Structures are given as C-alpha cells and as structure tokens.
Amino acid sequence: MSMIEIRNVTKRYGSATVVDNVSVNVEKGSITVIVGTSGSGKSTLMRMINRLVPITEGQIFVGGQNIMDVPATELRRKIGYAIQGHGLFPHRTVAQNIATVPQLLGWDADRTDKRVTELLGLFNLDPATFAEKYPHQLSGGQQQRVGVARALAAEPELLLMDEPFGALDPVIRGKAQDDLLAIQKQFGTTVVLVTHDMDEAFHLGNQIAVMSGGRMLQCSTPEKILTEPADPFVQQLTGTSDRALKLMSLTPLKDSMQPAKPGLPYSLAQSLSLRDALAEMIWQGVDEAAVQDANKAPVGSITMERLLELGRKA
C-alpha cells in the first residue's frame, strides 16, 4: 500500500526547472532515500510533500489524499519533519521542544508529558537529566536525537528527513542511523530521507531514488541500484571499487549457508550479512564457522573460501 504517490511532479523557478516530471511511490512502513549531488532537486522534491515548496505541475497524494485538498498547516501537523542542524528552539527546554506539535494539536498535559518521557527513553536520553536542559547544553548527537524525537512526537505515520545526520561526525552518524532504523521498525513509520551520502542510502533505504539535474534517474531497491544501474551517473554514484563489499553487506548469511557441521568451535548468527560474517571470520582467524539461528541452534555452516567466492561473484 502506498503512503505517498508523487505523480509527474515538476517545480520551476522562472525559466529554471528544479524538479522535472518526477514520479515516485513510497510504500507504507518503508524507508525511501532520495540521493543525488548538490542541486539535483532532491530537497525540493521532498519539501513539496509537506507543501513547504509549492508544486508547479503534477500531483502528490499522502495516504490516498491529494495534499492540495488539505490545509497546509493541517497537513504538516500529520507529517514529522527533521532537518540538518535540528532546528531546535534555543530558548525552549528539550521537553518543550519535543512537546511542540502535541501542544499545537491540543493534547492534554498528561498525554504530552508521557510522550516526551517515552521518546527521551527511546533515544537513551534520561528524562531526569535531559528534559529541562536547553539545546546549547547538548552535544551535536544529543541535539540530533532531540530533533528526531520532536519530529516523532505526535506519532506521525510519515517522517520527512532532510540531511538529518549531515553535521555529525562519522561515529555518531552511524549510531544515529541505527537509532533511526530501530525506531522506524518499532513504530512502522514511513520515512523519506534526503542525503548526498550513498553509504547512508544503502544502510537505511528499502528503496533508493537517484536524482540528477532535477530528473529521477532510477528508483529501485539497493540491490538493483548496484547490479542494474539504469544510467552511467547511477553507476558512478555507487562507485565501482567497493561494489562487491556493498553487495555482500546487502546479502544475508542465511541465504548462502552450507550444510551444518558438528564440532565447529566458532559460531556466527544467521542474521549477519555476508560482509559482516567475512569481517568476523577474519577478525577471529577462522576458516570455517557454524551458523546459528536466534535461539543459538545450529542451522548451517560457512567457510572463508565460500565467502570469498561469493564476494568475487558479487
């Protein structure tokens, strides 16, 4: 079921076409990442979804309803929005920042307080420590988490994110991405995220939409973007040198197991990707490992030789 349908949407500023006849479907409960270089039109396309940018031509439907049939303020209250730099109100506490939209929607104080406490807990920000702090008292990573918490406060079915992790250093950025995946899975939120970082797109996206010069070059699964690039620019963007490792990171170990063997001293979880399994085996210095399910029952095995062979095929 589609949460968003973008149908032949164009945005012009005078004679300049910034988004050129783009169509995309976003499935309910999925993460779609729009990726492209600076000026490709990706942020403009996303901002048309919550009417921060007016559409020149075409139509956008959210939850089956044409966004032009809903007052802009009402539409935005139903859609979470998180941006790079977090956009936190500097003179409001963390709790007051997170409570912004619930208060606009007229939630009572008890419901609002409960939601603020729940979200702070989900993002590992102890309410007793952080609720009354101001944004300038937080680290960049903490501000980012508060920004996403605020966007999720009114329990939106749809969350739009514009380069939300762009200002974070790589270690914190990786943690923030994992936080987002965990929260998205828990709430089933539909996410549309804009980035220029292909690694981020592959880590987060169920589908990746590649834009250049206002046009949509390809919108597909991460695997197809890697194996069947529709355009030379898409191939260039994904890179060729580490394509094998990227593909291995998208392939679950459980799909490539060999038969189980008793007595293997080292075990891997079947939920690992081929890339992570290879890294673990190199780290542990083993040539063969058992593969276990979530209950630690043996379900197969894997050899280093097999992993390397799969990597070469990728």
Protein backbone atom coordinates (compact mmCIF):
# COMPACT_ATOMS: atom_id res chain seq x y z
CA MET A 1 0.00 0.00 0.00
CA SER A 2 1.36 3.41 -0.97
CA MET A 3 1.80 6.07 1.71
CA ILE A 4 3.00 8.65 -0.85
CA GLU A 5 2.32 8.88 -4.58
CA ILE A 6 4.27 11.53 -6.46
CA ARG A 7 2.79 11.82 -9.96
CA ASN A 8 4.61 13.70 -12.73
CA VAL A 9 5.70 16.49 -10.40
CA THR A 10 7.60 19.49 -11.75
CA LYS A 11 8.95 22.56 -9.95
CA ARG A 12 10.05 25.64 -11.84
CA TYR A 13 11.50 28.91 -10.62
CA GLY A 14 11.05 31.24 -13.58
CA SER A 15 12.74 29.54 -16.53
CA ALA A 16 14.76 27.17 -14.30
CA THR A 17 13.33 23.65 -13.85
CA VAL A 18 14.48 22.32 -10.46
CA VAL A 19 12.36 19.13 -10.43
CA ASP A 20 11.47 17.72 -13.84
CA ASN A 21 8.42 15.43 -14.25
CA VAL A 22 9.24 13.10 -11.33
CA SER A 23 7.06 10.14 -10.30
CA VAL A 24 7.74 8.00 -7.18
CA ASN A 25 5.69 5.67 -4.99
CA VAL A 26 6.61 5.23 -1.33
CA GLU A 27 5.21 2.13 0.37
CA LYS A 28 3.68 2.39 3.83
CA GLY A 29 6.17 1.41 6.56
CA SER A 30 9.22 1.67 4.28
CA ILE A 31 12.30 3.90 4.15
CA THR A 32 12.89 5.68 0.84
CA VAL A 33 16.16 7.55 0.47
CA ILE A 34 16.43 10.29 -2.16
CA VAL A 35 20.05 10.72 -3.14
CA GLY A 36 21.92 12.98 -5.53
CA THR A 37 24.55 15.67 -5.77
CA SER A 38 24.00 19.26 -4.63
CA GLY A 39 21.40 20.96 -6.84
CA SER A 40 19.88 17.71 -8.07
CA GLY A 41 16.41 18.69 -6.81
CA LYS A 42 16.19 16.10 -4.02
CA SER A 43 15.40 18.53 -1.15
CA THR A 44 12.94 20.49 -3.29
CA LEU A 45 11.11 17.27 -4.17
CA MET A 46 10.82 16.29 -0.52
CA ARG A 47 9.67 19.75 0.60
CA MET A 48 6.83 19.59 -1.92
CA ILE A 49 5.43 16.62 0.04
CA ASN A 50 4.64 18.82 3.07
CA ARG A 51 3.94 21.90 0.92
CA LEU A 52 6.95 23.87 2.12
CA VAL A 53 7.57 24.32 -1.62
CA PRO A 54 4.56 24.79 -3.96
CA ILE A 55 4.14 22.35 -6.87
CA THR A 56 4.28 23.86 -10.38
CA GLU A 57 2.81 20.81 -12.14
CA GLY A 58 1.70 17.32 -11.12
CA GLN A 59 0.11 15.88 -8.00
CA ILE A 60 1.19 14.41 -4.68
CA PHE A 61 -1.01 12.10 -2.61
CA VAL A 62 -0.34 11.26 1.04
CA GLY A 63 -2.40 8.40 2.47
CA GLY A 64 -4.53 8.47 -0.68
CA GLN A 65 -5.44 12.16 -0.28
CA ASN A 66 -4.30 14.93 -2.62
CA ILE A 67 -2.16 17.25 -0.48
CA MET A 68 -3.77 20.28 -2.15
CA ASP A 69 -7.14 19.25 -0.67
CA VAL A 70 -5.78 19.66 2.88
CA PRO A 71 -4.84 23.00 4.51
CA ALA A 72 -1.03 23.21 4.66
CA THR A 73 -0.93 23.65 8.45
CA GLU A 74 -3.14 20.59 8.99
CA LEU A 75 -1.04 18.53 6.56
CA ARG A 76 2.23 19.47 8.31
CA ARG A 77 0.91 18.55 11.73
CA LYS A 78 0.44 14.99 10.48
CA ILE A 79 3.94 14.77 9.00
CA GLY A 80 7.12 14.70 11.09
CA TYR A 81 9.97 16.83 9.72
CA ALA A 82 13.62 16.67 10.78
CA ILE A 83 16.40 18.72 9.18
CA GLN A 84 20.18 19.07 9.35
CA GLY A 85 21.10 21.33 12.24
CA HIS A 86 17.98 20.03 14.04
CA GLY A 87 16.12 23.40 14.03
CA LEU A 88 15.56 23.25 17.80
CA PHE A 89 14.09 26.29 19.52
CA PRO A 90 17.07 27.66 21.52
CA HIS A 91 15.01 29.22 24.33
CA ARG A 92 12.86 26.15 24.95
CA THR A 93 13.93 23.17 27.02
CA VAL A 94 14.34 19.72 25.49
CA ALA A 95 10.92 18.69 26.86
CA GLN A 96 9.27 21.85 25.50
CA ASN A 97 10.88 21.30 22.08
CA ILE A 98 9.58 17.73 21.87
CA ALA A 99 6.12 18.84 23.06
CA THR A 100 5.72 21.49 20.32
CA VAL A 101 3.39 19.62 17.93
CA PRO A 102 1.37 17.72 20.59
CA GLN A 103 0.59 21.12 22.17
CA LEU A 104 -0.45 22.54 18.78
CA LEU A 105 -2.76 19.54 18.40
CA GLY A 106 -4.32 20.23 21.79
CA TRP A 107 -3.04 17.16 23.64
CA ASP A 108 -3.59 17.39 27.41
CA ALA A 109 -0.57 17.84 29.69
CA ASP A 110 -0.52 14.24 30.97
CA ARG A 111 -0.54 12.72 27.49
CA THR A 112 2.13 15.17 26.30
CA ASP A 113 4.40 14.56 29.31
CA LYS A 114 4.05 10.80 28.90
CA ARG A 115 5.01 11.02 25.21
CA VAL A 116 8.03 13.26 25.97
CA THR A 117 9.26 10.82 28.63
CA GLU A 118 8.72 7.84 26.32
CA LEU A 119 10.69 9.41 23.46
CA LEU A 120 13.56 10.56 25.68
CA GLY A 121 13.82 6.99 26.95
CA LEU A 122 13.76 5.55 23.41
CA PHE A 123 16.65 7.81 22.41
CA ASN A 124 18.66 6.96 25.55
CA LEU A 125 18.29 10.46 26.98
CA ASP A 126 17.43 10.09 30.67
CA PRO A 127 14.40 12.37 31.29
CA ALA A 128 15.66 13.37 34.75
CA THR A 129 18.91 14.59 33.19
CA PHE A 130 17.81 15.99 29.83
CA ALA A 131 14.16 17.15 29.99
CA GLU A 132 14.99 20.57 31.45
CA LYS A 133 18.22 21.19 29.53
CA TYR A 134 18.44 23.70 26.70
CA PRO A 135 19.76 22.86 23.21
CA HIS A 136 23.09 24.68 23.74
CA GLN A 137 23.80 22.36 26.69
CA LEU A 138 23.65 19.26 24.45
CA SER A 139 26.24 17.64 22.19
CA GLY A 140 25.61 17.53 18.43
CA GLY A 141 24.50 13.91 18.65
CA GLN A 142 22.11 14.66 21.51
CA GLN A 143 20.62 17.62 19.62
CA GLN A 144 20.09 15.40 16.62
CA ARG A 145 18.23 12.82 18.71
CA VAL A 146 16.01 15.53 20.21
CA GLY A 147 15.29 16.81 16.68
CA VAL A 148 14.12 13.37 15.56
CA ALA A 149 12.19 12.85 18.81
CA ARG A 150 10.38 16.15 18.22
CA ALA A 151 9.51 15.07 14.67
CA LEU A 152 8.05 11.81 16.02
CA ALA A 153 6.23 13.37 18.99
CA ALA A 154 2.72 13.45 17.53
CA GLU A 155 3.04 9.85 16.31
CA PRO A 156 3.08 10.72 12.60
CA GLU A 157 2.73 7.92 10.09
CA LEU A 158 5.14 9.82 7.83
CA LEU A 159 8.54 11.28 8.71
CA LEU A 160 10.46 13.52 6.27
CA MET A 161 14.19 13.97 6.95
CA ASP A 162 16.44 16.40 5.06
CA GLU A 163 20.15 15.56 5.55
CA PRO A 164 19.36 14.92 9.25
CA PHE A 165 22.77 13.43 10.08
CA GLY A 166 24.90 15.66 7.84
CA ALA A 167 26.51 17.67 10.64
CA LEU A 168 27.51 14.66 12.76
CA ASP A 169 30.92 13.05 12.87
CA PRO A 170 31.10 9.54 11.30
CA VAL A 171 30.94 7.54 14.57
CA ILE A 172 27.93 9.43 15.95
CA ARG A 173 26.36 9.40 12.48
CA GLY A 174 26.47 5.60 12.34
CA LYS A 175 24.82 5.38 15.77
CA ALA A 176 22.15 7.91 14.73
CA GLN A 177 21.35 5.86 11.62
CA ASP A 178 20.99 2.69 13.71
CA ASP A 179 18.74 4.60 16.16
CA LEU A 180 16.52 5.63 13.25
CA LEU A 181 16.27 2.06 11.94
CA ALA A 182 15.31 0.76 15.40
CA ILE A 183 12.68 3.46 15.98
CA GLN A 184 11.27 3.09 12.46
CA LYS A 185 10.92 -0.65 12.94
CA GLN A 186 9.22 -0.18 16.32
CA PHE A 187 6.63 2.36 15.12
CA GLY A 188 6.28 1.26 11.47
CA THR A 189 6.77 4.88 10.44
CA THR A 190 7.13 5.62 6.72
CA VAL A 191 10.35 7.58 6.22
CA VAL A 192 11.54 9.68 3.29
CA LEU A 193 15.13 10.80 3.80
CA VAL A 194 17.28 13.06 1.63
CA THR A 195 21.06 12.61 1.59
CA HIS A 196 24.07 13.04 -0.68
CA ASP A 197 25.81 10.11 1.05
CA MET A 198 25.46 6.82 -0.85
CA ASP A 199 26.69 4.75 2.10
CA GLU A 200 23.89 6.24 4.21
CA ALA A 201 21.41 5.47 1.42
CA PHE A 202 22.49 1.81 1.27
CA HIS A 203 22.45 1.47 5.06
CA LEU A 204 18.95 2.90 5.51
CA GLY A 205 16.92 2.56 2.32
CA ASN A 206 14.37 -0.09 1.32
CA GLN A 207 14.33 1.83 -1.94
CA ILE A 208 16.77 4.43 -3.27
CA ALA A 209 15.74 7.22 -5.61
CA VAL A 210 18.67 8.72 -7.54
CA MET A 211 18.24 12.28 -8.84
CA SER A 212 20.39 14.44 -11.11
CA GLY A 213 19.57 17.76 -12.74
CA GLY A 214 16.00 17.63 -11.43
CA ARG A 215 15.28 14.27 -13.06
CA MET A 216 14.71 10.88 -11.42
CA LEU A 217 17.30 8.58 -12.98
CA GLN A 218 16.35 5.41 -11.09
CA CYS A 219 14.18 4.40 -8.16
CA SER A 220 14.74 0.84 -7.04
CA THR A 221 15.99 -1.49 -4.30
CA PRO A 222 19.62 -1.06 -3.15
CA GLU A 223 20.48 -4.40 -4.79
CA LYS A 224 19.15 -3.30 -8.20
CA ILE A 225 20.82 0.09 -7.95
CA LEU A 226 24.12 -1.79 -7.57
CA THR A 227 23.59 -4.63 -10.02
CA GLU A 228 21.40 -2.94 -12.67
CA PRO A 229 22.27 0.78 -12.71
CA ALA A 230 19.91 2.48 -15.16
CA ASP A 231 22.29 5.31 -16.04
CA PRO A 232 26.07 5.93 -16.11
CA PHE A 233 25.59 8.58 -13.40
CA VAL A 234 23.95 6.00 -11.10
CA GLN A 235 26.89 3.65 -11.67
CA GLN A 236 29.35 6.47 -10.95
CA LEU A 237 27.49 7.45 -7.78
CA THR A 238 27.54 3.92 -6.36
CA GLY A 239 31.25 3.54 -7.12
CA THR A 240 32.88 0.50 -8.66
CA SER A 241 35.78 -0.26 -6.33
CA ASP A 242 33.73 -1.44 -3.36
CA ARG A 243 30.65 -2.69 -5.22
CA ALA A 244 31.36 -6.29 -4.15
CA LEU A 245 31.52 -5.34 -0.46
CA LYS A 246 28.35 -3.26 -0.75
CA LEU A 247 26.52 -6.19 -2.31
CA MET A 248 27.85 -8.53 0.38
CA SER A 249 26.54 -6.12 3.02
CA LEU A 250 23.04 -6.42 1.48
CA THR A 251 23.05 -10.24 1.32
CA PRO A 252 22.05 -12.23 4.45
CA LEU A 253 24.30 -15.06 5.54
CA LYS A 254 21.26 -17.36 5.92
CA ASP A 255 20.74 -17.26 2.12
CA SER A 256 24.24 -18.58 1.39
CA MET A 257 24.86 -21.17 4.12
CA GLN A 258 26.43 -24.56 3.59
CA PRO A 259 25.17 -27.69 5.42
CA ALA A 260 25.61 -27.76 9.21
CA LYS A 261 28.73 -29.45 10.56
CA PRO A 262 29.09 -30.64 14.16
CA GLY A 263 32.08 -29.62 16.30
CA LEU A 264 32.92 -26.23 14.76
CA PRO A 265 34.35 -24.10 17.59
CA TYR A 266 33.23 -20.69 16.30
CA SER A 267 29.64 -19.59 15.52
CA LEU A 268 28.00 -16.76 13.59
CA ALA A 269 24.41 -15.50 13.75
CA GLN A 270 22.44 -16.23 10.57
CA SER A 271 21.12 -12.62 10.69
CA LEU A 272 24.57 -11.26 9.79
CA SER A 273 25.29 -10.02 6.29
CA LEU A 274 27.96 -11.78 4.21
CA ARG A 275 30.19 -8.74 4.70
CA ASP A 276 29.85 -8.85 8.49
CA ALA A 277 30.39 -12.63 8.50
CA LEU A 278 33.60 -12.19 6.49
CA ALA A 279 34.82 -9.45 8.86
CA GLU A 280 34.09 -11.65 11.92
CA MET A 281 35.92 -14.65 10.47
CA ILE A 282 38.95 -12.56 9.51
CA TRP A 283 38.95 -10.99 12.99
CA GLN A 284 38.72 -14.38 14.72
CA GLY A 285 41.20 -16.01 12.32
CA VAL A 286 38.93 -18.96 11.48
CA ASP A 287 38.45 -20.68 8.10
CA GLU A 288 35.06 -22.20 8.92
CA ALA A 289 32.23 -21.34 11.29
CA ALA A 290 28.87 -22.73 12.38
CA VAL A 291 25.78 -20.64 11.64
CA GLN A 292 23.13 -20.31 14.37
CA ASP A 293 19.55 -19.07 14.48
CA ALA A 294 18.19 -16.61 17.07
CA ASN A 295 17.89 -19.45 19.61
CA LYS A 296 21.55 -20.40 19.06
CA ALA A 297 20.54 -23.64 17.36
CA PRO A 298 22.90 -24.71 14.53
CA VAL A 299 21.29 -24.24 11.11
CA GLY A 300 24.31 -24.40 8.79
CA SER A 301 27.96 -23.53 8.32
CA ILE A 302 30.09 -21.23 6.19
CA THR A 303 33.70 -21.36 5.02
CA MET A 304 36.03 -18.47 4.29
CA GLU A 305 36.53 -19.94 0.81
CA ARG A 306 32.77 -19.81 0.15
CA LEU A 307 32.52 -16.19 1.38
CA LEU A 308 35.41 -15.09 -0.84
CA GLU A 309 33.85 -16.91 -3.80
CA LEU A 310 30.53 -15.10 -3.18
CA GLY A 311 32.43 -11.80 -2.96
CA ARG A 312 34.11 -12.40 -6.32
CA LYS A 313 30.73 -13.23 -7.91
CA ALA A 314 29.25 -10.03 -6.50
